[in-house]
Amino acid sequence: MEIEKVIHNNVLLEPQIFTLKAKLEWIQITDQGGVQLSEHEELLAGGNVNKVTKVGNTVRRDAKPNSYVHALLKHLEQVGYPNSPKYLGRDEQGREVLSYIEGVVSGNEYPEIERYMWSDETLTELAKLLRSYHDATLDFTAFSPSSNVYSDSAQHEVVCHNDFALYNVVFKERLPVGIIDFDMAGPGPRLWDIVYTLYTAVPLAGFSPGKDEREVVPYHKRDHASERKRRIALFFKAYGMDVPTDLKEWVISRIHFMCTTLSDRAASGEIAFIKMIEEGHLAHYEKEVRFLEKHFDDWS
């Protein structure tokens, strides 16, 4: 989430949604006592634990060196994939420099986003965007030393983005044109990426888009189940894959993995994750797992 502003009337606003990376960004900024920007820099929301700013047509991030992600972005540029930022090196302050993708990103507004972002056209184009990204990584063979590697190496089909969600999609003229925030990328099966995109973009969560602009409402079987089933089929058709019979298990495993990530990294002493647990993020995702276990069969 590298584009959406989080400043309003010179006040840094706290993210209002349960996305691990957005909350981690907020904790890091506030723990550092606020944000100091030059007059030529614009604060952007997103990243992982990094402050993100826009300078001209570039994005600057206080990111730790990540040779795997940098190699991936260079590979995507070399094979002609047009929908990801380009890695441009590091600036005089040691910050990571990426090309800026012009457009609109919902970022921390998710899930209270504009209606067109929930449209069938968006979902179809998102599936195509993910498919083309996956295919562009097929011959990328760099070794990933990170914890983002899918556990079963026999299923390393592609390089998963691992956060291919609506809040990381760049829209232009109401259509998806780019994907940002590759910090969590690592080898894995296509479905590991697909199911998280479905969870955020169909959506499969405990809420559904409402009828009004930027409205979300609690899931109700009568009102939302058939629509979810239809949109799942629409996504897989656009991606070019049959709906798997074990989709339920994949989705639940993916969200349960988020719970495990929170627990493990908090247990290892990482302050940001400890704070997120204290603020209810682990409880939120555990509730989502229970929701999926109870309701997934409604739309399968």
C-alpha atoms as a PDB file:
ATOM      1  CA  MET A   1       0.000   0.000   0.000  1.00  0.00           C
ATOM      2  CA  GLU A   2       2.361   2.709  -1.222  1.00  0.00           C
ATOM      3  CA  ILE A   3       0.149   5.509  -2.545  1.00  0.00           C
ATOM      4  CA  GLU A   4      -2.872   6.508  -0.472  1.00  0.00           C
ATOM      5  CA  LYS A   5      -2.237   9.571   1.742  1.00  0.00           C
ATOM      6  CA  VAL A   6      -2.712   9.215   5.483  1.00  0.00           C
ATOM      7  CA  ILE A   7      -2.444  12.909   6.325  1.00  0.00           C
ATOM      8  CA  HIS A   8      -5.539  15.057   6.788  1.00  0.00           C
ATOM      9  CA  ASN A   9      -5.264  18.671   7.929  1.00  0.00           C
ATOM     10  CA  ASN A  10      -1.635  18.002   8.910  1.00  0.00           C
ATOM     11  CA  VAL A  11      -2.686  15.145  11.216  1.00  0.00           C
ATOM     12  CA  LEU A  12      -1.372  11.624  10.729  1.00  0.00           C
ATOM     13  CA  LEU A  13      -4.413   9.354  10.745  1.00  0.00           C
ATOM     14  CA  GLU A  14      -4.438   5.851  12.212  1.00  0.00           C
ATOM     15  CA  PRO A  15      -5.428   3.044   9.821  1.00  0.00           C
ATOM     16  CA  GLN A  16      -8.917   1.799  10.565  1.00  0.00           C
ATOM     17  CA  ILE A  17      -8.779  -1.717   9.147  1.00  0.00           C
ATOM     18  CA  PHE A  18      -7.388  -5.071  10.138  1.00  0.00           C
ATOM     19  CA  THR A  19      -4.543  -5.392   7.648  1.00  0.00           C
ATOM     20  CA  LEU A  20      -1.300  -6.551   9.209  1.00  0.00           C
ATOM     21  CA  LYS A  21       0.957  -4.457   7.043  1.00  0.00           C
ATOM     22  CA  ALA A  22      -0.991  -1.211   7.400  1.00  0.00           C
ATOM     23  CA  LYS A  23      -1.090  -1.523  11.164  1.00  0.00           C
ATOM     24  CA  LEU A  24       2.583  -2.418  11.301  1.00  0.00           C
ATOM     25  CA  GLU A  25       3.333   0.735   9.308  1.00  0.00           C
ATOM     26  CA  TRP A  26       1.329   2.836  11.771  1.00  0.00           C
ATOM     27  CA  ILE A  27       3.032   1.353  14.821  1.00  0.00           C
ATOM     28  CA  GLN A  28       6.481   1.983  13.393  1.00  0.00           C
ATOM     29  CA  ILE A  29       5.706   5.605  12.521  1.00  0.00           C
ATOM     30  CA  THR A  30       4.133   6.483  15.851  1.00  0.00           C
ATOM     31  CA  ASP A  31       6.801   4.683  17.856  1.00  0.00           C
ATOM     32  CA  GLN A  32       9.393   6.866  16.139  1.00  0.00           C
ATOM     33  CA  GLY A  33       7.725   9.999  17.465  1.00  0.00           C
ATOM     34  CA  GLY A  34       6.017  11.212  14.331  1.00  0.00           C
ATOM     35  CA  VAL A  35       7.078  11.824  10.756  1.00  0.00           C
ATOM     36  CA  GLN A  36       9.531  14.429   9.500  1.00  0.00           C
ATOM     37  CA  LEU A  37       9.175  15.192   5.787  1.00  0.00           C
ATOM     38  CA  SER A  38      11.043  17.569   3.528  1.00  0.00           C
ATOM     39  CA  GLU A  39       8.967  20.082   1.594  1.00  0.00           C
ATOM     40  CA  HIS A  40       9.440  17.979  -1.539  1.00  0.00           C
ATOM     41  CA  GLU A  41       8.177  14.724  -0.021  1.00  0.00           C
ATOM     42  CA  GLU A  42       4.642  13.401   0.300  1.00  0.00           C
ATOM     43  CA  LEU A  43       3.838  10.762   2.900  1.00  0.00           C
ATOM     44  CA  LEU A  44       2.253   7.633   1.474  1.00  0.00           C
ATOM     45  CA  ALA A  45       0.525   4.785   3.277  1.00  0.00           C
ATOM     46  CA  GLY A  46       1.795   1.263   2.986  1.00  0.00           C
ATOM     47  CA  GLY A  47       4.838  -0.913   2.969  1.00  0.00           C
ATOM     48  CA  ASN A  48       5.649  -3.285   5.763  1.00  0.00           C
ATOM     49  CA  VAL A  49       7.439  -1.667   8.694  1.00  0.00           C
ATOM     50  CA  ASN A  50       8.693   1.173   6.556  1.00  0.00           C
ATOM     51  CA  LYS A  51       7.962   4.873   6.163  1.00  0.00           C
ATOM     52  CA  VAL A  52       6.968   5.474   2.537  1.00  0.00           C
ATOM     53  CA  THR A  53       7.164   8.817   0.722  1.00  0.00           C
ATOM     54  CA  LYS A  54       6.729  10.059  -2.847  1.00  0.00           C
ATOM     55  CA  VAL A  55       9.503  12.155  -4.365  1.00  0.00           C
ATOM     56  CA  GLY A  56       8.766  13.241  -7.915  1.00  0.00           C
ATOM     57  CA  ASN A  57       7.921  10.128  -9.902  1.00  0.00           C
ATOM     58  CA  THR A  58       9.591   7.798  -7.398  1.00  0.00           C
ATOM     59  CA  VAL A  59       8.680   6.140  -4.112  1.00  0.00           C
ATOM     60  CA  ARG A  60      11.218   6.140  -1.238  1.00  0.00           C
ATOM     61  CA  ARG A  61      11.044   3.590   1.575  1.00  0.00           C
ATOM     62  CA  ASP A  62      13.102   3.140   4.740  1.00  0.00           C
ATOM     63  CA  ALA A  63      13.288  -0.540   3.921  1.00  0.00           C
ATOM     64  CA  LYS A  64      15.853  -3.077   4.983  1.00  0.00           C
ATOM     65  CA  PRO A  65      17.811  -4.420   2.004  1.00  0.00           C
ATOM     66  CA  ASN A  66      15.852  -7.244   0.367  1.00  0.00           C
ATOM     67  CA  SER A  67      17.910  -8.671  -2.460  1.00  0.00           C
ATOM     68  CA  TYR A  68      15.255 -11.276  -3.294  1.00  0.00           C
ATOM     69  CA  VAL A  69      12.489  -8.721  -3.866  1.00  0.00           C
ATOM     70  CA  HIS A  70      14.848  -6.404  -5.739  1.00  0.00           C
ATOM     71  CA  ALA A  71      15.897  -9.274  -8.005  1.00  0.00           C
ATOM     72  CA  LEU A  72      12.232 -10.175  -8.530  1.00  0.00           C
ATOM     73  CA  LEU A  73      11.309  -6.616  -9.532  1.00  0.00           C
ATOM     74  CA  LYS A  74      14.263  -6.462 -11.915  1.00  0.00           C
ATOM     75  CA  HIS A  75      13.204  -9.803 -13.401  1.00  0.00           C
ATOM     76  CA  LEU A  76       9.647  -8.555 -13.923  1.00  0.00           C
ATOM     77  CA  GLU A  77      11.019  -5.484 -15.693  1.00  0.00           C
ATOM     78  CA  GLN A  78      13.289  -7.607 -17.889  1.00  0.00           C
ATOM     79  CA  VAL A  79      10.490  -9.945 -19.005  1.00  0.00           C
ATOM     80  CA  GLY A  80       8.246  -6.990 -19.814  1.00  0.00           C
ATOM     81  CA  TYR A  81       5.713  -7.284 -17.010  1.00  0.00           C
ATOM     82  CA  PRO A  82       4.214  -3.757 -16.988  1.00  0.00           C
ATOM     83  CA  ASN A  83       2.174  -3.799 -13.788  1.00  0.00           C
ATOM     84  CA  SER A  84       4.783  -3.701 -11.010  1.00  0.00           C
ATOM     85  CA  PRO A  85       7.073  -0.916  -9.777  1.00  0.00           C
ATOM     86  CA  LYS A  86      10.670  -0.865 -10.992  1.00  0.00           C
ATOM     87  CA  TYR A  87      13.531  -1.124  -8.517  1.00  0.00           C
ATOM     88  CA  LEU A  88      15.810   1.888  -9.063  1.00  0.00           C
ATOM     89  CA  GLY A  89      18.374   1.403  -6.301  1.00  0.00           C
ATOM     90  CA  ARG A  90      18.925   3.389  -3.085  1.00  0.00           C
ATOM     91  CA  ASP A  91      19.110   7.139  -2.512  1.00  0.00           C
ATOM     92  CA  GLU A  92      21.643   9.222  -0.572  1.00  0.00           C
ATOM     93  CA  GLN A  93      19.754   8.482   2.655  1.00  0.00           C
ATOM     94  CA  GLY A  94      19.976   4.758   2.026  1.00  0.00           C
ATOM     95  CA  ARG A  95      16.285   4.470   1.217  1.00  0.00           C
ATOM     96  CA  GLU A  96      14.905   2.021  -1.320  1.00  0.00           C
ATOM     97  CA  VAL A  97      13.843   3.801  -4.529  1.00  0.00           C
ATOM     98  CA  LEU A  98      11.000   2.445  -6.677  1.00  0.00           C
ATOM     99  CA  SER A  99       9.163   3.865  -9.654  1.00  0.00           C
ATOM    100  CA  TYR A 100       5.796   5.414  -8.822  1.00  0.00           C
ATOM    101  CA  ILE A 101       2.738   3.884 -10.506  1.00  0.00           C
ATOM    102  CA  GLU A 102       0.253   6.649 -11.201  1.00  0.00           C
ATOM    103  CA  GLY A 103      -3.294   5.917 -10.065  1.00  0.00           C
ATOM    104  CA  VAL A 104      -5.595   5.367  -7.118  1.00  0.00           C
ATOM    105  CA  VAL A 105      -4.992   2.881  -4.300  1.00  0.00           C
ATOM    106  CA  SER A 106      -7.645   2.214  -1.652  1.00  0.00           C
ATOM    107  CA  GLY A 107      -4.967   1.405   0.906  1.00  0.00           C
ATOM    108  CA  ASN A 108      -6.107   1.942   4.463  1.00  0.00           C
ATOM    109  CA  GLU A 109      -9.639   2.830   3.356  1.00  0.00           C
ATOM    110  CA  TYR A 110     -10.284  -0.853   2.615  1.00  0.00           C
ATOM    111  CA  PRO A 111     -12.904  -2.300   2.929  1.00  0.00           C
ATOM    112  CA  GLU A 112     -14.861   0.979   2.834  1.00  0.00           C
ATOM    113  CA  ILE A 113     -13.884   1.603  -0.771  1.00  0.00           C
ATOM    114  CA  GLU A 114     -15.512   2.958  -3.904  1.00  0.00           C
ATOM    115  CA  ARG A 115     -18.171   0.782  -5.490  1.00  0.00           C
ATOM    116  CA  TYR A 116     -16.340   0.263  -8.778  1.00  0.00           C
ATOM    117  CA  MET A 117     -13.572  -1.530  -6.878  1.00  0.00           C
ATOM    118  CA  TRP A 118     -16.111  -4.269  -6.038  1.00  0.00           C
ATOM    119  CA  SER A 119     -17.363  -4.583  -9.627  1.00  0.00           C
ATOM    120  CA  ASP A 120     -17.277  -7.747 -11.738  1.00  0.00           C
ATOM    121  CA  GLU A 121     -15.035  -5.929 -14.204  1.00  0.00           C
ATOM    122  CA  THR A 122     -12.541  -5.185 -11.436  1.00  0.00           C
ATOM    123  CA  LEU A 123     -12.610  -8.804 -10.244  1.00  0.00           C
ATOM    124  CA  THR A 124     -12.069 -10.114 -13.775  1.00  0.00           C
ATOM    125  CA  GLU A 125      -9.177  -7.756 -14.466  1.00  0.00           C
ATOM    126  CA  LEU A 126      -7.681  -8.562 -11.069  1.00  0.00           C
ATOM    127  CA  ALA A 127      -7.669 -12.274 -11.934  1.00  0.00           C
ATOM    128  CA  LYS A 128      -5.947 -11.537 -15.240  1.00  0.00           C
ATOM    129  CA  LEU A 129      -3.427  -9.302 -13.483  1.00  0.00           C
ATOM    130  CA  LEU A 130      -2.596 -12.046 -10.997  1.00  0.00           C
ATOM    131  CA  ARG A 131      -2.337 -14.691 -13.728  1.00  0.00           C
ATOM    132  CA  SER A 132       0.026 -12.572 -15.814  1.00  0.00           C
ATOM    133  CA  TYR A 133       2.146 -11.864 -12.731  1.00  0.00           C
ATOM    134  CA  HIS A 134       2.358 -15.549 -11.829  1.00  0.00           C
ATOM    135  CA  ASP A 135       3.292 -16.499 -15.385  1.00  0.00           C
ATOM    136  CA  ALA A 136       5.991 -13.810 -15.446  1.00  0.00           C
ATOM    137  CA  THR A 137       7.683 -15.446 -12.445  1.00  0.00           C
ATOM    138  CA  LEU A 138       7.850 -18.979 -13.844  1.00  0.00           C
ATOM    139  CA  ASP A 139      11.516 -18.719 -14.824  1.00  0.00           C
ATOM    140  CA  PHE A 140      12.614 -16.678 -11.802  1.00  0.00           C
ATOM    141  CA  THR A 141      14.921 -18.952  -9.858  1.00  0.00           C
ATOM    142  CA  ALA A 142      16.616 -16.766  -7.237  1.00  0.00           C
ATOM    143  CA  PHE A 143      16.835 -18.338  -3.785  1.00  0.00           C
ATOM    144  CA  SER A 144      14.584 -16.752  -1.157  1.00  0.00           C
ATOM    145  CA  PRO A 145      16.058 -16.683   2.355  1.00  0.00           C
ATOM    146  CA  SER A 146      12.917 -15.133   3.842  1.00  0.00           C
ATOM    147  CA  SER A 147      10.159 -16.632   5.965  1.00  0.00           C
ATOM    148  CA  ASN A 148       7.704 -16.056   3.100  1.00  0.00           C
ATOM    149  CA  VAL A 149       8.546 -19.345   1.396  1.00  0.00           C
ATOM    150  CA  TYR A 150       5.623 -21.788   1.242  1.00  0.00           C
ATOM    151  CA  SER A 151       6.440 -24.753   3.472  1.00  0.00           C
ATOM    152  CA  ASP A 152       6.013 -27.522   0.864  1.00  0.00           C
ATOM    153  CA  SER A 153       8.775 -27.002  -1.699  1.00  0.00           C
ATOM    154  CA  ALA A 154       7.111 -29.513  -4.028  1.00  0.00           C
ATOM    155  CA  GLN A 155       4.366 -26.920  -4.569  1.00  0.00           C
ATOM    156  CA  HIS A 156       6.628 -24.006  -5.514  1.00  0.00           C
ATOM    157  CA  GLU A 157       4.919 -23.276  -8.839  1.00  0.00           C
ATOM    158  CA  VAL A 158       5.401 -19.499  -8.979  1.00  0.00           C
ATOM    159  CA  VAL A 159       6.569 -16.583  -6.869  1.00  0.00           C
ATOM    160  CA  CYS A 160       3.574 -15.676  -4.730  1.00  0.00           C
ATOM    161  CA  HIS A 161       3.050 -11.989  -4.071  1.00  0.00           C
ATOM    162  CA  ASN A 162       1.443 -13.034  -0.758  1.00  0.00           C
ATOM    163  CA  ASP A 163      -0.505  -9.783  -0.399  1.00  0.00           C
ATOM    164  CA  PHE A 164      -2.267  -9.509  -3.768  1.00  0.00           C
ATOM    165  CA  ALA A 165      -5.271  -7.735  -2.304  1.00  0.00           C
ATOM    166  CA  LEU A 166      -7.535  -4.872  -3.320  1.00  0.00           C
ATOM    167  CA  TYR A 167      -5.700  -2.500  -0.985  1.00  0.00           C
ATOM    168  CA  ASN A 168      -2.460  -3.069  -2.930  1.00  0.00           C
ATOM    169  CA  VAL A 169      -3.982  -2.605  -6.392  1.00  0.00           C
ATOM    170  CA  VAL A 170      -3.438   0.582  -8.406  1.00  0.00           C
ATOM    171  CA  PHE A 171      -6.535   1.717 -10.312  1.00  0.00           C
ATOM    172  CA  LYS A 172      -6.563   4.039 -13.287  1.00  0.00           C
ATOM    173  CA  GLU A 173      -9.767   4.993 -15.082  1.00  0.00           C
ATOM    174  CA  ARG A 174     -11.541   2.593 -12.700  1.00  0.00           C
ATOM    175  CA  LEU A 175      -9.538  -0.459 -13.799  1.00  0.00           C
ATOM    176  CA  PRO A 176      -6.646  -2.309 -12.122  1.00  0.00           C
ATOM    177  CA  VAL A 177      -3.366  -1.316 -13.774  1.00  0.00           C
ATOM    178  CA  GLY A 178      -0.750  -2.219 -11.177  1.00  0.00           C
ATOM    179  CA  ILE A 179       0.153  -4.149  -8.047  1.00  0.00           C
ATOM    180  CA  ILE A 180       2.482  -2.828  -5.341  1.00  0.00           C
ATOM    181  CA  ASP A 181       4.127  -3.892  -2.074  1.00  0.00           C
ATOM    182  CA  PHE A 182       6.142  -7.014  -2.859  1.00  0.00           C
ATOM    183  CA  ASP A 183       7.768  -7.266   0.585  1.00  0.00           C
ATOM    184  CA  MET A 184       6.133 -10.616   1.358  1.00  0.00           C
ATOM    185  CA  ALA A 185       6.891 -12.301  -1.986  1.00  0.00           C
ATOM    186  CA  GLY A 186       8.189 -15.853  -1.955  1.00  0.00           C
ATOM    187  CA  PRO A 187       7.911 -19.185  -3.784  1.00  0.00           C
ATOM    188  CA  GLY A 188       4.639 -21.056  -3.447  1.00  0.00           C
ATOM    189  CA  PRO A 189       1.602 -22.535  -5.209  1.00  0.00           C
ATOM    190  CA  ARG A 190      -0.689 -20.396  -7.332  1.00  0.00           C
ATOM    191  CA  LEU A 191      -3.632 -21.153  -5.065  1.00  0.00           C
ATOM    192  CA  TRP A 192      -1.879 -19.706  -2.002  1.00  0.00           C
ATOM    193  CA  ASP A 193      -1.976 -16.314  -3.728  1.00  0.00           C
ATOM    194  CA  ILE A 194      -5.356 -16.805  -5.369  1.00  0.00           C
ATOM    195  CA  VAL A 195      -7.250 -17.582  -2.180  1.00  0.00           C
ATOM    196  CA  TYR A 196      -6.073 -14.432  -0.413  1.00  0.00           C
ATOM    197  CA  THR A 197      -7.077 -12.355  -3.419  1.00  0.00           C
ATOM    198  CA  LEU A 198     -10.495 -14.037  -3.315  1.00  0.00           C
ATOM    199  CA  TYR A 199     -10.792 -13.439   0.429  1.00  0.00           C
ATOM    200  CA  THR A 200     -10.227  -9.702   0.013  1.00  0.00           C
ATOM    201  CA  ALA A 201     -11.811  -9.083  -3.400  1.00  0.00           C
ATOM    202  CA  VAL A 202     -14.926 -11.278  -3.663  1.00  0.00           C
ATOM    203  CA  PRO A 203     -14.921 -10.852  -0.591  1.00  0.00           C
ATOM    204  CA  LEU A 204     -15.117 -14.019   1.511  1.00  0.00           C
ATOM    205  CA  ALA A 205     -14.806 -12.256   4.861  1.00  0.00           C
ATOM    206  CA  GLY A 206     -17.409 -11.635   7.530  1.00  0.00           C
ATOM    207  CA  PHE A 207     -18.591  -8.505   5.714  1.00  0.00           C
ATOM    208  CA  SER A 208     -19.999  -7.794   2.259  1.00  0.00           C
ATOM    209  CA  PRO A 209     -20.165  -4.586   0.218  1.00  0.00           C
ATOM    210  CA  GLY A 210     -23.334  -2.634   0.909  1.00  0.00           C
ATOM    211  CA  LYS A 211     -25.582  -0.885  -1.578  1.00  0.00           C
ATOM    212  CA  ASP A 212     -24.299   2.586  -0.784  1.00  0.00           C
ATOM    213  CA  GLU A 213     -20.923   4.049  -1.691  1.00  0.00           C
ATOM    214  CA  ARG A 214     -18.163   2.925   0.703  1.00  0.00           C
ATOM    215  CA  GLU A 215     -20.644   0.851   2.737  1.00  0.00           C
ATOM    216  CA  VAL A 216     -19.969  -2.604   4.156  1.00  0.00           C
ATOM    217  CA  VAL A 217     -22.529  -4.764   5.940  1.00  0.00           C
ATOM    218  CA  PRO A 218     -22.348  -8.032   7.907  1.00  0.00           C
ATOM    219  CA  TYR A 219     -22.510 -11.195   5.801  1.00  0.00           C
ATOM    220  CA  HIS A 220     -25.968 -12.789   5.527  1.00  0.00           C
ATOM    221  CA  LYS A 221     -26.498 -16.082   3.708  1.00  0.00           C
ATOM    222  CA  ARG A 222     -29.764 -15.039   2.084  1.00  0.00           C
ATOM    223  CA  ASP A 223     -28.316 -11.827   0.666  1.00  0.00           C
ATOM    224  CA  HIS A 224     -24.722 -12.748  -0.144  1.00  0.00           C
ATOM    225  CA  ALA A 225     -24.060 -16.498  -0.532  1.00  0.00           C
ATOM    226  CA  SER A 226     -25.110 -16.922  -4.172  1.00  0.00           C
ATOM    227  CA  GLU A 227     -23.250 -13.761  -5.157  1.00  0.00           C
ATOM    228  CA  ARG A 228     -20.060 -15.076  -3.578  1.00  0.00           C
ATOM    229  CA  LYS A 229     -20.372 -18.370  -5.435  1.00  0.00           C
ATOM    230  CA  ARG A 230     -20.903 -16.530  -8.723  1.00  0.00           C
ATOM    231  CA  ARG A 231     -17.934 -14.221  -8.184  1.00  0.00           C
ATOM    232  CA  ILE A 232     -15.617 -17.078  -7.213  1.00  0.00           C
ATOM    233  CA  ALA A 233     -16.475 -18.802 -10.506  1.00  0.00           C
ATOM    234  CA  LEU A 234     -15.995 -15.518 -12.386  1.00  0.00           C
ATOM    235  CA  PHE A 235     -12.525 -15.050 -10.908  1.00  0.00           C
ATOM    236  CA  PHE A 236     -11.321 -18.564 -11.718  1.00  0.00           C
ATOM    237  CA  LYS A 237     -12.676 -18.339 -15.268  1.00  0.00           C
ATOM    238  CA  ALA A 238     -10.748 -15.106 -15.831  1.00  0.00           C
ATOM    239  CA  TYR A 239      -7.613 -16.587 -14.254  1.00  0.00           C
ATOM    240  CA  GLY A 240      -7.905 -19.673 -16.459  1.00  0.00           C
ATOM    241  CA  MET A 241      -8.357 -22.378 -13.841  1.00  0.00           C
ATOM    242  CA  ASP A 242     -11.203 -24.586 -12.672  1.00  0.00           C
ATOM    243  CA  VAL A 243     -12.577 -23.905  -9.204  1.00  0.00           C
ATOM    244  CA  PRO A 244     -10.747 -26.442  -7.005  1.00  0.00           C
ATOM    245  CA  THR A 245     -12.826 -28.875  -4.991  1.00  0.00           C
ATOM    246  CA  ASP A 246     -10.724 -28.167  -1.894  1.00  0.00           C
ATOM    247  CA  LEU A 247     -11.033 -24.376  -2.085  1.00  0.00           C
ATOM    248  CA  LYS A 248     -12.497 -24.198   1.419  1.00  0.00           C
ATOM    249  CA  GLU A 249      -9.421 -25.836   2.932  1.00  0.00           C
ATOM    250  CA  TRP A 250      -7.091 -23.523   1.042  1.00  0.00           C
ATOM    251  CA  VAL A 251      -8.882 -20.351   2.154  1.00  0.00           C
ATOM    252  CA  ILE A 252      -9.100 -21.375   5.797  1.00  0.00           C
ATOM    253  CA  SER A 253      -5.447 -22.458   5.814  1.00  0.00           C
ATOM    254  CA  ARG A 254      -4.428 -19.085   4.376  1.00  0.00           C
ATOM    255  CA  ILE A 255      -6.238 -17.049   7.049  1.00  0.00           C
ATOM    256  CA  HIS A 256      -5.118 -19.414   9.789  1.00  0.00           C
ATOM    257  CA  PHE A 257      -1.560 -18.810   8.583  1.00  0.00           C
ATOM    258  CA  MET A 258      -2.041 -15.114   9.327  1.00  0.00           C
ATOM    259  CA  CYS A 259      -2.956 -16.031  12.913  1.00  0.00           C
ATOM    260  CA  THR A 260       0.165 -18.155  13.191  1.00  0.00           C
ATOM    261  CA  THR A 261       2.308 -15.337  11.809  1.00  0.00           C
ATOM    262  CA  LEU A 262       0.985 -12.909  14.406  1.00  0.00           C
ATOM    263  CA  SER A 263       1.468 -15.357  17.261  1.00  0.00           C
ATOM    264  CA  ASP A 264       4.935 -16.529  16.257  1.00  0.00           C
ATOM    265  CA  ARG A 265       6.383 -13.093  15.599  1.00  0.00           C
ATOM    266  CA  ALA A 266       4.919 -11.693  18.804  1.00  0.00           C
ATOM    267  CA  ALA A 267       6.369 -14.645  20.703  1.00  0.00           C
ATOM    268  CA  SER A 268       9.770 -13.860  19.190  1.00  0.00           C
ATOM    269  CA  GLY A 269       9.585 -10.419  20.784  1.00  0.00           C
ATOM    270  CA  GLU A 270       8.703  -8.214  17.799  1.00  0.00           C
ATOM    271  CA  ILE A 271       7.052  -5.174  19.368  1.00  0.00           C
ATOM    272  CA  ALA A 272       4.822  -4.346  16.400  1.00  0.00           C
ATOM    273  CA  PHE A 273       3.247  -7.799  16.469  1.00  0.00           C
ATOM    274  CA  ILE A 274       2.864  -7.735  20.248  1.00  0.00           C
ATOM    275  CA  LYS A 275       0.952  -4.460  19.929  1.00  0.00           C
ATOM    276  CA  MET A 276      -1.242  -5.802  17.148  1.00  0.00           C
ATOM    277  CA  ILE A 277      -2.245  -8.741  19.316  1.00  0.00           C
ATOM    278  CA  GLU A 278      -2.973  -6.386  22.207  1.00  0.00           C
ATOM    279  CA  GLU A 279      -5.172  -4.312  19.894  1.00  0.00           C
ATOM    280  CA  GLY A 280      -7.216  -7.295  18.729  1.00  0.00           C
ATOM    281  CA  HIS A 281      -5.776  -8.301  15.381  1.00  0.00           C
ATOM    282  CA  LEU A 282      -5.170 -11.916  16.320  1.00  0.00           C
ATOM    283  CA  ALA A 283      -8.669 -12.156  17.778  1.00  0.00           C
ATOM    284  CA  HIS A 284     -10.035 -10.670  14.543  1.00  0.00           C
ATOM    285  CA  TYR A 285      -8.419 -13.262  12.291  1.00  0.00           C
ATOM    286  CA  GLU A 286      -9.298 -16.105  14.651  1.00  0.00           C
ATOM    287  CA  LYS A 287     -12.890 -14.907  14.387  1.00  0.00           C
ATOM    288  CA  GLU A 288     -12.566 -14.880  10.594  1.00  0.00           C
ATOM    289  CA  VAL A 289     -11.360 -18.493  10.628  1.00  0.00           C
ATOM    290  CA  ARG A 290     -14.409 -19.483  12.680  1.00  0.00           C
ATOM    291  CA  PHE A 291     -16.636 -17.537  10.283  1.00  0.00           C
ATOM    292  CA  LEU A 292     -15.188 -19.368   7.282  1.00  0.00           C
ATOM    293  CA  GLU A 293     -15.505 -22.764   8.949  1.00  0.00           C
ATOM    294  CA  LYS A 294     -19.164 -22.033   9.670  1.00  0.00           C
ATOM    295  CA  HIS A 295     -20.236 -20.331   6.439  1.00  0.00           C
ATOM    296  CA  PHE A 296     -17.950 -21.356   3.565  1.00  0.00           C
ATOM    297  CA  ASP A 297     -20.295 -24.171   2.549  1.00  0.00           C
ATOM    298  CA  ASP A 298     -23.000 -21.518   2.003  1.00  0.00           C
ATOM    299  CA  TRP A 299     -21.324 -20.540  -1.251  1.00  0.00           C
ATOM    300  CA  SER A 300     -19.377 -23.645  -2.258  1.00  0.00           C
END
